[in-house]
Amino acid sequence: MTDKNGKPGAGPAPSDGRRWDDLRLVAVRIADEARKAGAAHAEVLLRRRCRRAVEDRGPVVGPLWDDRITLRCADARGRRGHATGTWAEVDATVAKAIAAIGGAPDPHERPVGRMDIRDRGLGIDDPRLPRVTDADRQATIDDNLAGVASISRALKVKRLTYYEEREERAFASTAEVSAAEASTRFSIQGAVAGAGGPEVDGLIASRVFAEVSSRPLGVDLARRCLALAKAAPLPEGPTHTVLGQRAVARLLEGLVPAFAADRVAGGTSFLAGKLGRVVGSARLHVIDDATRMSGLGTRAFDERGVPSVPVPLIKEGVAGGVYQGPLDAAVHDTRPTGHARIDGALWPGNLVVRCGNRTRNMLFPDLGRFVLVEDIFDVSGIDPVTGRIVVPARVLVHDGTDVLGSPGVVTLETTADEIFQNLENVASDQERHGLVDTGSWVVSAPLRFVPA
């Protein structure tokens, strides 16, 4: 951790005078306090964050600190209760969690046992952070402003923000599980617009400062903005559709809840009854790997203290593994996959799509005139229950490798089944967008686009 001058330090002292230097030991003590207060089982998740930000050419804001305790308790009958609070409210948080115990008992509610938790070599804590200066942070902004100007001085930067965060997490339970990790996250995001043209936004995020400071987001935004400024109508008649990496990432993020075991078993997933069956092209291979080196979804353990295992969601077109939380695992007498929030919600890791061996320049000339989905704005129109997809998207019209222009923002209406089953190729242009590593998808079906 760094202090306000960017030097190593333990962080702010809690207001109640206790020491929090070793979060793992503190979590153990709080779990023990909950047990003494009457809980048959308790789980504690501690979090401490330090954040900084720079907006456009403004000064560095921060360091800003925040902390959070989440306590999950259960009685001997399997009834649960939970509470959250700050570090200054430990005793009150324990009392609230105990008082909240109630509801119908769950026979499958049981402590998660000890597992081998990896705490080194994940590549998620940038050792350079204590040496990153405010000048380095502001240079990241300046370089991207210059990048936009190098493409076109007619373009205007609408916003540009650098953001960094270091987080320490600790987990402990009365089942003698305890673990801790530290991680960093850096990002730069912005938006660029031309005179009368569309506003294009984008984001680069990484666990390491060097990647965010060296990748030319401004240049990418400017080039996208110019390509989208030229008008072109949607093609008439059947065409291929290409989903760019950003679009694929957004689609998978919206569909991933369908792979939760409780949804599949309860019939609230479009994959219900399809596990072990073909649901898409043999070229489709998607795995969730929360141990992937330096991934944004990489972690040593989930919020229930379980280290993640790779989950092959779709293997060569066949629906494969599902996410199992501790309760689902207890029902089926299996190991939880390590993808659970402390309240039971799904916490996906890194989604990795196996790429092909042909580049865009090799694939595009054979497609003739086609539509490329450049970005998707809102995933709320992706329904993991039915697989139906109705989302606003920005698209480009291509003739082979030549960009003809854009019809602007359109509504994409399709289904996960239609995309999966008609996936013809995955390009080799692998990129990381948020939690998803993927190449572009070439879909042989003419997907439906409705002008806005």
Protein backbone atom coordinates (compact mmCIF):
# COMPACT_ATOMS: atom_id res chain seq x y z
CA MET A 1 0.00 0.00 0.00
CA THR A 2 1.15 3.54 -0.54
CA ASP A 3 0.64 6.64 1.51
CA LYS A 4 -0.47 10.03 0.17
CA ASN A 5 3.06 10.69 -1.08
CA GLY A 6 3.16 7.46 -3.10
CA LYS A 7 5.47 5.72 -0.61
CA PRO A 8 4.87 2.25 0.89
CA GLY A 9 2.71 2.25 3.96
CA ALA A 10 0.13 0.24 5.85
CA GLY A 11 -2.74 2.56 5.06
CA PRO A 12 -4.91 4.60 7.40
CA ALA A 13 -5.32 3.54 11.00
CA PRO A 14 -8.85 2.57 12.05
CA SER A 15 -10.66 5.05 14.25
CA ASP A 16 -11.19 2.55 17.08
CA GLY A 17 -7.46 2.23 17.74
CA ARG A 18 -7.08 -1.38 16.58
CA ARG A 19 -4.27 -2.39 14.24
CA TRP A 20 -5.16 -3.62 10.77
CA ASP A 21 -1.70 -4.30 9.36
CA ASP A 22 -2.45 -8.01 8.82
CA LEU A 23 -5.95 -8.16 7.38
CA ARG A 24 -6.03 -11.94 7.44
CA LEU A 25 -5.51 -12.09 11.22
CA VAL A 26 -8.07 -9.35 11.74
CA ALA A 27 -10.62 -11.34 9.73
CA VAL A 28 -9.91 -14.40 11.88
CA ARG A 29 -10.55 -12.39 15.04
CA ILE A 30 -13.84 -10.99 13.73
CA ALA A 31 -15.05 -14.47 12.75
CA ASP A 32 -14.21 -15.64 16.26
CA GLU A 33 -16.12 -12.70 17.76
CA ALA A 34 -19.19 -13.69 15.70
CA ARG A 35 -18.93 -17.28 16.95
CA LYS A 36 -18.71 -16.09 20.56
CA ALA A 37 -21.77 -13.89 19.94
CA GLY A 38 -23.85 -16.94 19.02
CA ALA A 39 -23.20 -17.88 15.39
CA ALA A 40 -22.67 -21.56 14.66
CA HIS A 41 -20.66 -20.53 11.62
CA ALA A 42 -19.35 -17.18 10.40
CA GLU A 43 -17.54 -15.88 7.33
CA VAL A 44 -15.80 -12.50 7.20
CA LEU A 45 -14.70 -10.59 4.12
CA LEU A 46 -12.54 -7.49 4.64
CA ARG A 47 -11.71 -5.01 1.92
CA ARG A 48 -9.47 -1.95 1.95
CA ARG A 49 -9.03 0.25 -1.14
CA CYS A 50 -6.89 3.22 -2.10
CA ARG A 51 -7.85 5.11 -5.28
CA ARG A 52 -6.47 7.92 -7.42
CA ALA A 53 -7.81 9.60 -10.55
CA VAL A 54 -6.88 12.25 -13.12
CA GLU A 55 -9.48 13.90 -15.33
CA ASP A 56 -8.29 15.47 -18.59
CA ARG A 57 -5.55 17.96 -17.59
CA GLY A 58 -6.76 18.37 -14.04
CA PRO A 59 -4.80 17.59 -10.88
CA VAL A 60 -4.47 14.11 -9.40
CA VAL A 61 -7.38 13.37 -7.06
CA GLY A 62 -6.49 11.16 -4.12
CA PRO A 63 -5.44 9.06 -2.44
CA LEU A 64 -9.02 8.24 -1.45
CA TRP A 65 -9.47 5.42 1.06
CA ASP A 66 -12.46 3.26 1.81
CA ASP A 67 -12.99 0.05 3.71
CA ARG A 68 -15.75 -2.50 4.16
CA ILE A 69 -16.56 -5.49 6.37
CA THR A 70 -19.08 -8.06 5.19
CA LEU A 71 -20.10 -10.69 7.73
CA ARG A 72 -22.14 -13.79 6.91
CA CYS A 73 -23.45 -15.89 9.80
CA ALA A 74 -25.51 -19.07 10.14
CA ASP A 75 -27.04 -20.91 13.08
CA ALA A 76 -27.00 -24.65 13.70
CA ARG A 77 -30.25 -25.08 11.73
CA GLY A 78 -28.82 -23.51 8.58
CA ARG A 79 -30.62 -20.18 8.85
CA ARG A 80 -28.53 -17.29 7.58
CA GLY A 81 -27.98 -13.62 8.26
CA HIS A 82 -25.50 -11.04 7.03
CA ALA A 83 -24.48 -7.44 7.62
CA THR A 84 -22.00 -4.92 6.28
CA GLY A 85 -20.19 -2.06 7.92
CA THR A 86 -16.97 -0.11 8.12
CA TRP A 87 -13.96 -0.92 10.23
CA ALA A 88 -15.12 1.56 12.82
CA GLU A 89 -18.31 -0.49 13.24
CA VAL A 90 -16.99 -4.01 13.95
CA ASP A 91 -19.02 -4.69 17.09
CA ALA A 92 -22.19 -3.23 15.58
CA THR A 93 -21.72 -5.25 12.38
CA VAL A 94 -21.36 -8.49 14.36
CA ALA A 95 -24.50 -7.68 16.34
CA LYS A 96 -26.48 -6.87 13.16
CA ALA A 97 -25.42 -10.08 11.43
CA ILE A 98 -26.44 -12.20 14.44
CA ALA A 99 -29.78 -10.37 14.73
CA ALA A 100 -30.44 -10.90 11.00
CA ILE A 101 -30.26 -14.71 11.25
CA GLY A 102 -33.62 -16.10 10.22
CA GLY A 103 -35.75 -17.37 7.37
CA ALA A 104 -36.20 -20.93 6.27
CA PRO A 105 -33.33 -23.24 7.24
CA ASP A 106 -31.31 -24.72 4.39
CA PRO A 107 -30.15 -28.33 4.93
CA HIS A 108 -27.28 -27.70 2.52
CA GLU A 109 -25.94 -24.69 4.42
CA ARG A 110 -22.54 -25.76 5.71
CA PRO A 111 -19.06 -24.29 6.10
CA VAL A 112 -16.77 -24.40 3.10
CA GLY A 113 -13.70 -26.40 4.02
CA ARG A 114 -10.05 -25.49 3.65
CA MET A 115 -8.57 -25.64 0.16
CA ASP A 116 -5.18 -24.82 -1.29
CA ILE A 117 -5.34 -21.07 -1.97
CA ARG A 118 -2.70 -19.70 -4.29
CA ASP A 119 -1.40 -16.36 -3.06
CA ARG A 120 1.59 -15.81 -5.37
CA GLY A 121 2.26 -15.62 -9.08
CA LEU A 122 -1.17 -14.36 -10.15
CA GLY A 123 0.27 -11.16 -11.61
CA ILE A 124 -2.48 -8.96 -10.15
CA ASP A 125 -0.44 -6.71 -7.83
CA ASP A 126 1.81 -4.35 -9.78
CA PRO A 127 5.07 -3.93 -7.82
CA ARG A 128 5.74 -0.68 -9.68
CA LEU A 129 2.83 1.18 -8.07
CA PRO A 130 4.87 2.75 -5.22
CA ARG A 131 7.16 4.25 -7.87
CA VAL A 132 4.37 5.68 -10.06
CA THR A 133 4.37 9.46 -9.66
CA ASP A 134 1.71 12.08 -10.30
CA ALA A 135 3.78 13.14 -13.32
CA ASP A 136 3.49 9.59 -14.69
CA ARG A 137 -0.28 9.66 -14.23
CA GLN A 138 -0.68 13.02 -15.95
CA ALA A 139 1.65 11.93 -18.78
CA THR A 140 -0.77 9.09 -19.53
CA ILE A 141 -3.51 11.66 -20.09
CA ASP A 142 -1.24 13.97 -22.13
CA ASP A 143 -0.05 11.14 -24.41
CA ASN A 144 -3.61 10.19 -25.28
CA LEU A 145 -4.66 13.77 -25.92
CA ALA A 146 -1.71 14.05 -28.30
CA GLY A 147 -2.73 10.75 -29.91
CA VAL A 148 -6.15 12.12 -30.85
CA ALA A 149 -4.59 15.28 -32.30
CA SER A 150 -2.14 13.20 -34.36
CA ILE A 151 -5.05 11.58 -36.21
CA SER A 152 -7.20 14.68 -36.68
CA ARG A 153 -7.26 18.10 -35.08
CA ALA A 154 -10.92 18.39 -36.04
CA LEU A 155 -11.82 15.82 -33.38
CA LYS A 156 -12.65 16.89 -29.87
CA VAL A 157 -11.87 14.95 -26.72
CA LYS A 158 -15.13 14.96 -24.74
CA ARG A 159 -13.66 13.31 -21.66
CA LEU A 160 -10.53 11.43 -20.66
CA THR A 161 -9.94 9.92 -17.22
CA TYR A 162 -7.10 7.94 -15.69
CA TYR A 163 -8.01 5.79 -12.70
CA GLU A 164 -6.03 3.50 -10.41
CA GLU A 165 -6.92 1.37 -7.44
CA ARG A 166 -5.11 -0.92 -5.05
CA GLU A 167 -7.26 -3.30 -3.07
CA GLU A 168 -6.44 -5.61 -0.21
CA ARG A 169 -8.89 -8.42 0.57
CA ALA A 170 -8.95 -10.88 3.43
CA PHE A 171 -11.29 -13.78 4.18
CA ALA A 172 -11.71 -15.89 7.30
CA SER A 173 -14.30 -18.34 8.59
CA THR A 174 -14.95 -20.40 11.68
CA ALA A 175 -14.13 -23.45 9.52
CA GLU A 176 -10.47 -22.43 9.89
CA VAL A 177 -10.22 -20.94 6.41
CA SER A 178 -8.16 -17.76 6.10
CA ALA A 179 -6.57 -16.04 3.14
CA ALA A 180 -5.49 -12.62 1.90
CA GLU A 181 -4.51 -11.00 -1.37
CA ALA A 182 -3.56 -7.61 -2.78
CA SER A 183 -4.33 -6.46 -6.30
CA THR A 184 -4.04 -3.39 -8.51
CA ARG A 185 -6.19 -2.12 -11.36
CA PHE A 186 -5.38 0.71 -13.74
CA SER A 187 -7.60 2.13 -16.46
CA ILE A 188 -7.96 5.00 -18.85
CA GLN A 189 -11.26 5.77 -20.48
CA GLY A 190 -12.42 8.49 -22.79
CA ALA A 191 -14.72 9.70 -25.51
CA VAL A 192 -13.99 11.51 -28.77
CA ALA A 193 -16.37 13.21 -31.20
CA GLY A 194 -16.11 15.07 -34.48
CA ALA A 195 -18.11 18.02 -35.79
CA GLY A 196 -21.58 16.57 -36.33
CA GLY A 197 -20.22 13.04 -36.00
CA PRO A 198 -20.83 10.31 -33.42
CA GLU A 199 -19.32 10.28 -29.97
CA VAL A 200 -17.11 7.21 -29.58
CA ASP A 201 -15.99 5.97 -26.20
CA GLY A 202 -13.56 3.32 -25.06
CA LEU A 203 -11.66 1.88 -22.14
CA ILE A 204 -8.32 0.20 -21.51
CA ALA A 205 -7.92 -1.59 -18.19
CA SER A 206 -5.08 -3.68 -16.83
CA ARG A 207 -3.50 -4.98 -13.66
CA VAL A 208 -0.23 -3.21 -14.53
CA PHE A 209 0.45 0.49 -15.04
CA ALA A 210 2.80 -0.05 -17.98
CA GLU A 211 0.08 -1.47 -20.22
CA VAL A 212 -2.37 1.36 -19.60
CA SER A 213 0.28 4.05 -19.98
CA SER A 214 1.65 2.63 -23.25
CA ARG A 215 -1.44 1.58 -25.21
CA PRO A 216 -2.74 4.36 -27.54
CA LEU A 217 -6.39 4.67 -26.53
CA GLY A 218 -6.58 8.18 -28.01
CA VAL A 219 -5.38 7.00 -31.43
CA ASP A 220 -7.88 4.12 -31.39
CA LEU A 221 -10.80 6.38 -30.45
CA ALA A 222 -9.88 8.89 -33.17
CA ARG A 223 -9.67 6.24 -35.88
CA ARG A 224 -12.96 4.70 -34.85
CA CYS A 225 -14.60 8.11 -34.79
CA LEU A 226 -13.48 8.91 -38.36
CA ALA A 227 -14.60 5.51 -39.67
CA LEU A 228 -18.05 5.94 -38.13
CA ALA A 229 -18.49 9.54 -39.35
CA LYS A 230 -19.00 8.49 -42.97
CA ALA A 231 -22.61 7.46 -43.72
CA ALA A 232 -23.41 4.19 -45.47
CA PRO A 233 -26.70 2.26 -45.69
CA LEU A 234 -27.18 -1.24 -44.38
CA PRO A 235 -26.65 -3.87 -47.12
CA GLU A 236 -29.71 -5.36 -48.74
CA GLY A 237 -30.15 -9.11 -48.87
CA PRO A 238 -28.34 -11.89 -46.96
CA THR A 239 -24.89 -11.02 -45.69
CA HIS A 240 -22.41 -12.23 -43.15
CA THR A 241 -22.19 -10.47 -39.81
CA VAL A 242 -18.92 -9.91 -37.97
CA LEU A 243 -18.95 -9.26 -34.24
CA GLY A 244 -15.88 -7.26 -33.22
CA GLN A 245 -14.03 -8.04 -30.02
CA ARG A 246 -15.82 -5.34 -28.00
CA ALA A 247 -19.20 -6.63 -29.16
CA VAL A 248 -18.34 -10.26 -28.36
CA ALA A 249 -17.16 -9.24 -24.90
CA ARG A 250 -20.41 -7.42 -24.17
CA LEU A 251 -22.52 -10.33 -25.42
CA LEU A 252 -20.69 -12.87 -23.28
CA GLU A 253 -20.89 -10.66 -20.21
CA GLY A 254 -24.67 -10.49 -20.68
CA LEU A 255 -25.07 -14.24 -21.29
CA VAL A 256 -22.72 -15.58 -18.61
CA PRO A 257 -25.41 -15.73 -15.85
CA ALA A 258 -27.07 -18.48 -17.92
CA PHE A 259 -24.18 -20.78 -16.97
CA ALA A 260 -25.00 -20.72 -13.23
CA ALA A 261 -25.91 -24.18 -11.93
CA ASP A 262 -29.01 -23.01 -10.06
CA ARG A 263 -30.39 -21.29 -13.17
CA VAL A 264 -29.80 -24.32 -15.37
CA ALA A 265 -31.37 -26.68 -12.82
CA GLY A 266 -34.28 -24.33 -12.18
CA GLY A 267 -35.12 -23.78 -15.86
CA THR A 268 -34.27 -20.07 -15.80
CA SER A 269 -31.47 -20.37 -18.36
CA PHE A 270 -31.61 -20.83 -22.12
CA LEU A 271 -29.20 -23.74 -21.51
CA ALA A 272 -31.67 -25.69 -19.34
CA GLY A 273 -31.74 -29.30 -20.55
CA LYS A 274 -28.84 -28.69 -22.94
CA LEU A 275 -25.79 -29.58 -20.86
CA GLY A 276 -23.67 -32.10 -22.73
CA ARG A 277 -25.42 -31.25 -25.99
CA VAL A 278 -24.35 -29.28 -29.04
CA VAL A 279 -25.43 -25.65 -28.71
CA GLY A 280 -23.17 -24.05 -31.29
CA SER A 281 -20.47 -24.35 -33.91
CA ALA A 282 -17.52 -26.65 -33.25
CA ARG A 283 -15.36 -23.49 -33.50
CA LEU A 284 -16.92 -22.14 -30.30
CA HIS A 285 -14.81 -22.81 -27.23
CA VAL A 286 -15.24 -20.62 -24.12
CA ILE A 287 -13.62 -21.20 -20.74
CA ASP A 288 -13.81 -19.25 -17.50
CA ASP A 289 -10.33 -19.14 -15.97
CA ALA A 290 -10.08 -16.96 -12.86
CA THR A 291 -6.43 -17.99 -12.43
CA ARG A 292 -5.29 -16.54 -15.77
CA MET A 293 -2.10 -14.52 -15.36
CA SER A 294 -2.81 -10.78 -14.90
CA GLY A 295 -6.49 -11.07 -15.89
CA LEU A 296 -8.97 -8.52 -14.59
CA GLY A 297 -11.05 -11.39 -13.20
CA THR A 298 -8.07 -13.17 -11.65
CA ARG A 299 -8.09 -13.68 -7.88
CA ALA A 300 -6.74 -16.05 -5.26
CA PHE A 301 -10.20 -16.82 -3.83
CA ASP A 302 -13.81 -15.82 -4.24
CA GLU A 303 -15.90 -14.13 -1.56
CA ARG A 304 -16.70 -17.49 0.07
CA GLY A 305 -13.00 -18.30 0.49
CA VAL A 306 -12.91 -20.79 -2.41
CA PRO A 307 -10.06 -20.76 -4.96
CA SER A 308 -11.42 -20.85 -8.50
CA VAL A 309 -11.04 -23.74 -10.91
CA PRO A 310 -11.29 -23.37 -14.72
CA VAL A 311 -14.83 -23.98 -15.99
CA PRO A 312 -15.23 -25.01 -19.67
CA LEU A 313 -18.55 -23.27 -20.38
CA ILE A 314 -18.69 -24.35 -24.04
CA LYS A 315 -16.27 -26.93 -25.42
CA GLU A 316 -16.12 -27.13 -29.22
CA GLY A 317 -19.80 -26.21 -29.45
CA VAL A 318 -20.99 -28.45 -26.61
CA ALA A 319 -22.46 -26.92 -23.44
CA GLY A 320 -20.12 -28.08 -20.72
CA GLY A 321 -19.44 -26.90 -17.19
CA VAL A 322 -21.51 -24.61 -15.00
CA TYR A 323 -20.71 -22.32 -12.10
CA GLN A 324 -21.41 -23.96 -8.74
CA GLY A 325 -21.57 -22.02 -5.52
CA PRO A 326 -21.19 -23.74 -2.14
CA LEU A 327 -24.91 -24.54 -1.89
CA ASP A 328 -25.08 -26.03 -5.41
CA ALA A 329 -21.93 -28.03 -4.72
CA ALA A 330 -23.38 -29.37 -1.48
CA VAL A 331 -26.53 -30.51 -3.28
CA HIS A 332 -24.48 -32.43 -5.87
CA ASP A 333 -21.66 -33.43 -3.48
CA THR A 334 -19.02 -31.71 -5.64
CA ARG A 335 -16.46 -28.97 -5.22
CA PRO A 336 -17.64 -25.34 -5.61
CA THR A 337 -16.02 -23.68 -8.61
CA GLY A 338 -14.95 -20.52 -6.76
CA HIS A 339 -17.18 -17.98 -8.53
CA ALA A 340 -19.46 -16.79 -5.70
CA ARG A 341 -20.02 -13.48 -4.01
CA ILE A 342 -20.56 -13.63 -0.26
CA ASP A 343 -24.32 -13.15 -0.82
CA GLY A 344 -24.42 -16.07 -3.27
CA ALA A 345 -24.45 -13.97 -6.46
CA LEU A 346 -22.34 -15.09 -9.41
CA TRP A 347 -18.82 -13.63 -9.72
CA PRO A 348 -17.41 -14.58 -13.15
CA GLY A 349 -13.68 -14.79 -13.72
CA ASN A 350 -11.85 -14.31 -17.03
CA LEU A 351 -13.81 -15.50 -20.07
CA VAL A 352 -11.39 -16.77 -22.70
CA VAL A 353 -12.54 -17.59 -26.25
CA ARG A 354 -10.22 -19.84 -28.22
CA CYS A 355 -9.12 -17.86 -31.26
CA GLY A 356 -8.60 -19.10 -34.81
CA ASN A 357 -5.45 -18.94 -36.92
CA ARG A 358 -6.62 -16.54 -39.64
CA THR A 359 -6.43 -12.75 -39.42
CA ARG A 360 -9.17 -10.30 -40.34
CA ASN A 361 -7.29 -9.45 -43.52
CA MET A 362 -7.39 -13.11 -44.49
CA LEU A 363 -11.09 -13.60 -43.64
CA PHE A 364 -12.72 -10.34 -44.77
CA PRO A 365 -12.01 -10.48 -48.56
CA ASP A 366 -14.09 -13.67 -48.86
CA LEU A 367 -17.13 -12.12 -47.16
CA GLY A 368 -18.04 -9.51 -49.80
CA ARG A 369 -20.26 -6.80 -48.37
CA PHE A 370 -21.07 -7.39 -44.69
CA VAL A 371 -21.94 -5.68 -41.42
CA LEU A 372 -19.42 -5.42 -38.58
CA VAL A 373 -20.86 -4.85 -35.10
CA GLU A 374 -18.29 -2.43 -33.73
CA ASP A 375 -19.72 -2.03 -30.22
CA ILE A 376 -22.77 -2.78 -28.08
CA PHE A 377 -23.87 -0.14 -25.58
CA ASP A 378 -26.33 -1.75 -23.18
CA VAL A 379 -26.41 -5.41 -22.11
CA SER A 380 -29.74 -5.09 -20.26
CA GLY A 381 -31.42 -6.31 -23.46
CA ILE A 382 -29.59 -9.65 -23.24
CA ASP A 383 -31.85 -12.19 -21.55
CA PRO A 384 -30.00 -15.19 -20.03
CA VAL A 385 -33.35 -16.93 -19.46
CA THR A 386 -34.39 -17.10 -23.12
CA GLY A 387 -31.14 -16.21 -24.86
CA ARG A 388 -32.90 -13.37 -26.69
CA ILE A 389 -30.73 -10.38 -27.59
CA VAL A 390 -32.16 -6.92 -28.33
CA VAL A 391 -29.41 -4.35 -27.91
CA PRO A 392 -28.37 -0.95 -29.31
CA ALA A 393 -25.22 -1.30 -31.40
CA ARG A 394 -22.91 0.77 -33.54
CA VAL A 395 -22.08 -0.93 -36.82
CA LEU A 396 -19.85 -0.46 -39.85
CA VAL A 397 -20.54 -1.58 -43.40
CA HIS A 398 -17.58 -3.33 -45.04
CA ASP A 399 -16.79 -4.46 -48.54
CA GLY A 400 -14.04 -6.94 -47.84
CA THR A 401 -11.35 -5.08 -45.93
CA ASP A 402 -12.64 -1.66 -47.09
CA VAL A 403 -14.80 0.33 -44.67
CA LEU A 404 -17.70 1.96 -46.56
CA GLY A 405 -19.15 3.81 -43.57
CA SER A 406 -21.82 3.47 -40.92
CA PRO A 407 -25.62 3.66 -40.79
CA GLY A 408 -25.25 4.94 -37.23
CA VAL A 409 -26.71 3.33 -34.15
CA VAL A 410 -29.03 0.40 -34.87
CA THR A 411 -30.86 -2.19 -32.80
CA LEU A 412 -29.50 -5.72 -33.09
CA GLU A 413 -32.22 -8.35 -32.71
CA THR A 414 -31.07 -11.96 -32.51
CA THR A 415 -30.60 -14.88 -30.11
CA ALA A 416 -27.65 -16.61 -28.54
CA ASP A 417 -28.63 -19.79 -30.40
CA GLU A 418 -28.57 -18.00 -33.75
CA ILE A 419 -25.09 -16.59 -33.13
CA PHE A 420 -23.61 -19.75 -31.60
CA GLN A 421 -24.95 -22.11 -34.25
CA ASN A 422 -23.92 -19.92 -37.19
CA LEU A 423 -20.43 -19.09 -35.95
CA GLU A 424 -18.27 -19.70 -39.01
CA ASN A 425 -14.87 -18.44 -37.82
CA VAL A 426 -13.09 -16.84 -34.89
CA ALA A 427 -10.32 -14.54 -36.09
CA SER A 428 -6.84 -14.49 -34.61
CA ASP A 429 -7.11 -10.83 -33.53
CA GLN A 430 -7.34 -11.69 -29.84
CA GLU A 431 -7.91 -8.69 -27.56
CA ARG A 432 -8.84 -8.27 -23.92
CA HIS A 433 -11.93 -6.21 -23.20
CA GLY A 434 -12.83 -6.21 -19.54
CA LEU A 435 -13.20 -9.80 -18.37
CA VAL A 436 -13.22 -11.24 -21.90
CA ASP A 437 -10.32 -12.30 -24.14
CA THR A 438 -11.59 -12.91 -27.66
CA GLY A 439 -11.07 -12.47 -31.37
CA SER A 440 -13.71 -11.25 -33.84
CA TRP A 441 -16.55 -13.66 -34.66
CA VAL A 442 -17.67 -14.27 -38.25
CA VAL A 443 -21.33 -15.28 -38.28
CA SER A 444 -22.73 -16.74 -41.49
CA ALA A 445 -26.31 -15.71 -40.72
CA PRO A 446 -27.63 -12.25 -41.69
CA LEU A 447 -28.58 -10.95 -38.25
CA ARG A 448 -31.48 -8.51 -37.99
CA PHE A 449 -30.62 -4.81 -37.66
CA VAL A 450 -33.34 -2.22 -37.11
CA PRO A 451 -32.41 1.45 -37.73
CA ALA A 452 -32.82 3.62 -34.63
